[in-house]
Amino acid sequence: MILGAAWAMLHGQGLPLNLWAEACNTTVYLQNTSLHRILGMKTPEEAFSSKRLDVGHYKIFVSSIYSHVTQDAWKNLEPTGKLGILVGYNDTPHNYQVHFPTSRRIVVHRDLNFDE
Protein backbone atom coordinates (compact mmCIF):
# COMPACT_ATOMS: atom_id res chain seq x y z
CA MET A 1 0.00 0.00 0.00
CA ILE A 2 2.69 2.50 1.00
CA LEU A 3 5.06 1.64 -1.85
CA GLY A 4 2.22 1.67 -4.37
CA ALA A 5 1.15 5.15 -3.30
CA ALA A 6 4.76 6.38 -3.29
CA TRP A 7 5.31 4.90 -6.76
CA ALA A 8 2.21 6.67 -8.05
CA MET A 9 3.32 9.96 -6.48
CA LEU A 10 6.79 9.77 -8.02
CA HIS A 11 5.88 8.53 -11.49
CA GLY A 12 2.73 10.64 -11.76
CA GLN A 13 4.79 13.79 -11.33
CA GLY A 14 7.91 12.65 -13.18
CA LEU A 15 10.16 12.87 -10.13
CA PRO A 16 13.53 11.14 -9.82
CA LEU A 17 13.56 7.84 -7.96
CA ASN A 18 16.00 9.14 -5.34
CA LEU A 19 13.03 10.89 -3.68
CA TRP A 20 11.32 7.55 -2.91
CA ALA A 21 11.91 7.88 0.87
CA GLU A 22 10.21 11.29 0.99
CA ALA A 23 7.26 9.94 -1.01
CA CYS A 24 6.91 7.01 1.43
CA ASN A 25 7.13 9.33 4.45
CA THR A 26 4.50 11.63 2.96
CA THR A 27 2.21 8.67 2.30
CA VAL A 28 2.52 7.47 5.90
CA TYR A 29 2.01 11.01 7.26
CA LEU A 30 -1.15 11.48 5.21
CA GLN A 31 -2.52 8.06 6.21
CA ASN A 32 -1.89 8.76 9.89
CA THR A 33 -3.64 12.12 9.74
CA SER A 34 -6.60 11.02 7.60
CA LEU A 35 -10.01 9.80 8.76
CA HIS A 36 -10.48 6.04 9.11
CA ARG A 37 -13.83 4.28 9.04
CA ILE A 38 -12.69 1.58 11.46
CA LEU A 39 -11.91 4.27 14.09
CA GLY A 40 -15.34 5.84 13.82
CA MET A 41 -14.31 8.46 11.26
CA LYS A 42 -11.46 9.68 13.44
CA THR A 43 -7.78 10.02 12.71
CA PRO A 44 -5.40 7.65 14.53
CA GLU A 45 -3.98 10.65 16.39
CA GLU A 46 -7.45 11.76 17.45
CA ALA A 47 -8.35 8.24 18.61
CA PHE A 48 -5.16 8.05 20.66
CA SER A 49 -5.06 11.54 22.21
CA SER A 50 -8.71 12.72 21.87
CA LYS A 51 -7.46 15.95 20.26
CA ARG A 52 -8.80 17.10 16.90
CA LEU A 53 -6.07 17.59 14.30
CA ASP A 54 -5.71 20.69 12.16
CA VAL A 55 -5.19 19.71 8.52
CA GLY A 56 -5.08 23.26 7.18
CA HIS A 57 -1.40 22.86 6.40
CA TYR A 58 -1.96 20.15 3.77
CA LYS A 59 -0.57 21.13 0.38
CA ILE A 60 -0.36 19.39 -2.96
CA PHE A 61 2.59 16.98 -3.17
CA VAL A 62 5.24 18.25 -5.59
CA SER A 63 3.76 21.73 -5.82
CA SER A 64 6.22 24.46 -6.73
CA ILE A 65 7.30 26.68 -3.87
CA TYR A 66 9.34 29.82 -3.50
CA SER A 67 11.58 30.09 -0.47
CA HIS A 68 12.84 33.45 0.72
CA VAL A 69 16.62 33.80 0.71
CA THR A 70 17.83 35.77 3.72
CA GLN A 71 19.54 39.07 3.09
CA ASP A 72 22.94 37.90 4.32
CA ALA A 73 22.90 34.91 1.91
CA TRP A 74 22.25 36.77 -1.35
CA LYS A 75 24.35 39.24 -3.28
CA ASN A 76 23.37 42.20 -5.41
CA LEU A 77 21.36 41.47 -8.54
CA GLU A 78 20.62 37.91 -7.46
CA PRO A 79 17.07 36.68 -6.89
CA THR A 80 15.72 36.89 -3.35
CA GLY A 81 13.75 33.67 -3.73
CA LYS A 82 14.63 30.06 -4.49
CA LEU A 83 12.44 27.70 -6.48
CA GLY A 84 11.83 24.29 -4.92
CA ILE A 85 9.40 21.37 -4.81
CA LEU A 86 7.31 20.29 -1.82
CA VAL A 87 8.21 16.67 -1.06
CA GLY A 88 6.99 16.15 2.48
CA TYR A 89 5.86 17.27 5.89
CA ASN A 90 7.65 17.56 9.20
CA ASP A 91 6.45 16.60 12.68
CA THR A 92 5.83 20.27 13.42
CA PRO A 93 2.79 21.61 11.51
CA HIS A 94 3.49 24.21 8.85
CA ASN A 95 7.09 22.99 8.45
CA TYR A 96 7.62 21.44 5.05
CA GLN A 97 10.38 19.41 3.43
CA VAL A 98 11.47 21.12 0.25
CA HIS A 99 13.64 19.66 -2.50
CA PHE A 100 15.81 22.15 -4.38
CA PRO A 101 16.68 20.61 -7.76
CA THR A 102 19.63 22.92 -8.39
CA SER A 103 21.48 21.87 -5.24
CA ARG A 104 19.82 18.39 -4.98
CA ARG A 105 19.18 18.93 -1.27
CA ILE A 106 16.13 18.53 0.93
CA VAL A 107 15.67 21.26 3.52
CA VAL A 108 12.96 21.89 6.13
CA HIS A 109 11.34 25.34 5.70
CA ARG A 110 8.48 27.11 7.39
CA ASP A 111 7.66 30.31 5.50
CA LEU A 112 7.02 29.46 1.87
CA ASN A 113 4.95 30.77 -0.99
CA PHE A 114 3.10 27.94 -2.70
CA ASP A 115 2.26 27.87 -6.40
CA GLU A 116 -0.61 25.36 -6.40
C-alpha atoms as a PDB file:
ATOM      1  CA  MET A   1       0.000   0.000   0.000  1.00  0.00           C
ATOM      2  CA  ILE A   2       2.692   2.497   0.997  1.00  0.00           C
ATOM      3  CA  LEU A   3       5.060   1.637  -1.851  1.00  0.00           C
ATOM      4  CA  GLY A   4       2.218   1.670  -4.370  1.00  0.00           C
ATOM      5  CA  ALA A   5       1.154   5.149  -3.297  1.00  0.00           C
ATOM      6  CA  ALA A   6       4.761   6.378  -3.294  1.00  0.00           C
ATOM      7  CA  TRP A   7       5.311   4.900  -6.755  1.00  0.00           C
ATOM      8  CA  ALA A   8       2.208   6.670  -8.048  1.00  0.00           C
ATOM      9  CA  MET A   9       3.315   9.958  -6.485  1.00  0.00           C
ATOM     10  CA  LEU A  10       6.785   9.767  -8.025  1.00  0.00           C
ATOM     11  CA  HIS A  11       5.875   8.527 -11.485  1.00  0.00           C
ATOM     12  CA  GLY A  12       2.732  10.636 -11.758  1.00  0.00           C
ATOM     13  CA  GLN A  13       4.787  13.785 -11.326  1.00  0.00           C
ATOM     14  CA  GLY A  14       7.907  12.649 -13.184  1.00  0.00           C
ATOM     15  CA  LEU A  15      10.164  12.868 -10.129  1.00  0.00           C
ATOM     16  CA  PRO A  16      13.533  11.143  -9.821  1.00  0.00           C
ATOM     17  CA  LEU A  17      13.557   7.840  -7.956  1.00  0.00           C
ATOM     18  CA  ASN A  18      16.001   9.138  -5.343  1.00  0.00           C
ATOM     19  CA  LEU A  19      13.026  10.889  -3.685  1.00  0.00           C
ATOM     20  CA  TRP A  20      11.322   7.554  -2.905  1.00  0.00           C
ATOM     21  CA  ALA A  21      11.909   7.884   0.865  1.00  0.00           C
ATOM     22  CA  GLU A  22      10.211  11.285   0.986  1.00  0.00           C
ATOM     23  CA  ALA A  23       7.262   9.942  -1.014  1.00  0.00           C
ATOM     24  CA  CYS A  24       6.913   7.012   1.431  1.00  0.00           C
ATOM     25  CA  ASN A  25       7.132   9.327   4.447  1.00  0.00           C
ATOM     26  CA  THR A  26       4.500  11.633   2.959  1.00  0.00           C
ATOM     27  CA  THR A  27       2.213   8.667   2.298  1.00  0.00           C
ATOM     28  CA  VAL A  28       2.519   7.468   5.899  1.00  0.00           C
ATOM     29  CA  TYR A  29       2.008  11.009   7.256  1.00  0.00           C
ATOM     30  CA  LEU A  30      -1.154  11.481   5.212  1.00  0.00           C
ATOM     31  CA  GLN A  31      -2.522   8.061   6.210  1.00  0.00           C
ATOM     32  CA  ASN A  32      -1.887   8.757   9.892  1.00  0.00           C
ATOM     33  CA  THR A  33      -3.638  12.123   9.738  1.00  0.00           C
ATOM     34  CA  SER A  34      -6.602  11.023   7.604  1.00  0.00           C
ATOM     35  CA  LEU A  35     -10.006   9.801   8.759  1.00  0.00           C
ATOM     36  CA  HIS A  36     -10.484   6.040   9.107  1.00  0.00           C
ATOM     37  CA  ARG A  37     -13.830   4.281   9.045  1.00  0.00           C
ATOM     38  CA  ILE A  38     -12.687   1.577  11.463  1.00  0.00           C
ATOM     39  CA  LEU A  39     -11.909   4.271  14.090  1.00  0.00           C
ATOM     40  CA  GLY A  40     -15.343   5.836  13.821  1.00  0.00           C
ATOM     41  CA  MET A  41     -14.309   8.458  11.255  1.00  0.00           C
ATOM     42  CA  LYS A  42     -11.457   9.678  13.444  1.00  0.00           C
ATOM     43  CA  THR A  43      -7.777  10.017  12.712  1.00  0.00           C
ATOM     44  CA  PRO A  44      -5.398   7.648  14.526  1.00  0.00           C
ATOM     45  CA  GLU A  45      -3.977  10.646  16.386  1.00  0.00           C
ATOM     46  CA  GLU A  46      -7.450  11.765  17.453  1.00  0.00           C
ATOM     47  CA  ALA A  47      -8.355   8.239  18.605  1.00  0.00           C
ATOM     48  CA  PHE A  48      -5.157   8.053  20.657  1.00  0.00           C
ATOM     49  CA  SER A  49      -5.059  11.539  22.213  1.00  0.00           C
ATOM     50  CA  SER A  50      -8.713  12.716  21.875  1.00  0.00           C
ATOM     51  CA  LYS A  51      -7.462  15.947  20.258  1.00  0.00           C
ATOM     52  CA  ARG A  52      -8.796  17.104  16.904  1.00  0.00           C
ATOM     53  CA  LEU A  53      -6.071  17.593  14.296  1.00  0.00           C
ATOM     54  CA  ASP A  54      -5.712  20.693  12.155  1.00  0.00           C
ATOM     55  CA  VAL A  55      -5.192  19.714   8.520  1.00  0.00           C
ATOM     56  CA  GLY A  56      -5.082  23.257   7.177  1.00  0.00           C
ATOM     57  CA  HIS A  57      -1.399  22.855   6.398  1.00  0.00           C
ATOM     58  CA  TYR A  58      -1.959  20.149   3.772  1.00  0.00           C
ATOM     59  CA  LYS A  59      -0.567  21.132   0.384  1.00  0.00           C
ATOM     60  CA  ILE A  60      -0.358  19.385  -2.960  1.00  0.00           C
ATOM     61  CA  PHE A  61       2.592  16.980  -3.171  1.00  0.00           C
ATOM     62  CA  VAL A  62       5.242  18.251  -5.588  1.00  0.00           C
ATOM     63  CA  SER A  63       3.760  21.730  -5.823  1.00  0.00           C
ATOM     64  CA  SER A  64       6.223  24.463  -6.727  1.00  0.00           C
ATOM     65  CA  ILE A  65       7.296  26.681  -3.873  1.00  0.00           C
ATOM     66  CA  TYR A  66       9.343  29.817  -3.496  1.00  0.00           C
ATOM     67  CA  SER A  67      11.576  30.090  -0.467  1.00  0.00           C
ATOM     68  CA  HIS A  68      12.838  33.454   0.722  1.00  0.00           C
ATOM     69  CA  VAL A  69      16.623  33.799   0.706  1.00  0.00           C
ATOM     70  CA  THR A  70      17.831  35.769   3.717  1.00  0.00           C
ATOM     71  CA  GLN A  71      19.544  39.067   3.086  1.00  0.00           C
ATOM     72  CA  ASP A  72      22.942  37.897   4.318  1.00  0.00           C
ATOM     73  CA  ALA A  73      22.895  34.912   1.914  1.00  0.00           C
ATOM     74  CA  TRP A  74      22.255  36.770  -1.351  1.00  0.00           C
ATOM     75  CA  LYS A  75      24.351  39.237  -3.284  1.00  0.00           C
ATOM     76  CA  ASN A  76      23.367  42.201  -5.407  1.00  0.00           C
ATOM     77  CA  LEU A  77      21.356  41.467  -8.542  1.00  0.00           C
ATOM     78  CA  GLU A  78      20.621  37.908  -7.456  1.00  0.00           C
ATOM     79  CA  PRO A  79      17.069  36.680  -6.893  1.00  0.00           C
ATOM     80  CA  THR A  80      15.716  36.893  -3.351  1.00  0.00           C
ATOM     81  CA  GLY A  81      13.747  33.671  -3.727  1.00  0.00           C
ATOM     82  CA  LYS A  82      14.633  30.064  -4.486  1.00  0.00           C
ATOM     83  CA  LEU A  83      12.436  27.699  -6.479  1.00  0.00           C
ATOM     84  CA  GLY A  84      11.831  24.289  -4.916  1.00  0.00           C
ATOM     85  CA  ILE A  85       9.404  21.371  -4.807  1.00  0.00           C
ATOM     86  CA  LEU A  86       7.315  20.285  -1.819  1.00  0.00           C
ATOM     87  CA  VAL A  87       8.209  16.667  -1.060  1.00  0.00           C
ATOM     88  CA  GLY A  88       6.991  16.146   2.477  1.00  0.00           C
ATOM     89  CA  TYR A  89       5.862  17.272   5.887  1.00  0.00           C
ATOM     90  CA  ASN A  90       7.649  17.563   9.201  1.00  0.00           C
ATOM     91  CA  ASP A  91       6.447  16.599  12.676  1.00  0.00           C
ATOM     92  CA  THR A  92       5.828  20.273  13.423  1.00  0.00           C
ATOM     93  CA  PRO A  93       2.790  21.609  11.514  1.00  0.00           C
ATOM     94  CA  HIS A  94       3.489  24.207   8.849  1.00  0.00           C
ATOM     95  CA  ASN A  95       7.086  22.988   8.450  1.00  0.00           C
ATOM     96  CA  TYR A  96       7.619  21.435   5.053  1.00  0.00           C
ATOM     97  CA  GLN A  97      10.378  19.406   3.432  1.00  0.00           C
ATOM     98  CA  VAL A  98      11.473  21.119   0.253  1.00  0.00           C
ATOM     99  CA  HIS A  99      13.645  19.658  -2.498  1.00  0.00           C
ATOM    100  CA  PHE A 100      15.810  22.151  -4.377  1.00  0.00           C
ATOM    101  CA  PRO A 101      16.682  20.606  -7.761  1.00  0.00           C
ATOM    102  CA  THR A 102      19.632  22.917  -8.394  1.00  0.00           C
ATOM    103  CA  SER A 103      21.480  21.871  -5.239  1.00  0.00           C
ATOM    104  CA  ARG A 104      19.824  18.395  -4.978  1.00  0.00           C
ATOM    105  CA  ARG A 105      19.181  18.930  -1.275  1.00  0.00           C
ATOM    106  CA  ILE A 106      16.129  18.525   0.928  1.00  0.00           C
ATOM    107  CA  VAL A 107      15.666  21.258   3.519  1.00  0.00           C
ATOM    108  CA  VAL A 108      12.960  21.892   6.131  1.00  0.00           C
ATOM    109  CA  HIS A 109      11.343  25.339   5.702  1.00  0.00           C
ATOM    110  CA  ARG A 110       8.477  27.114   7.389  1.00  0.00           C
ATOM    111  CA  ASP A 111       7.662  30.312   5.500  1.00  0.00           C
ATOM    112  CA  LEU A 112       7.019  29.460   1.873  1.00  0.00           C
ATOM    113  CA  ASN A 113       4.947  30.772  -0.990  1.00  0.00           C
ATOM    114  CA  PHE A 114       3.097  27.941  -2.704  1.00  0.00           C
ATOM    115  CA  ASP A 115       2.262  27.873  -6.402  1.00  0.00           C
ATOM    116  CA  GLU A 116      -0.607  25.357  -6.401  1.00  0.00           C
END
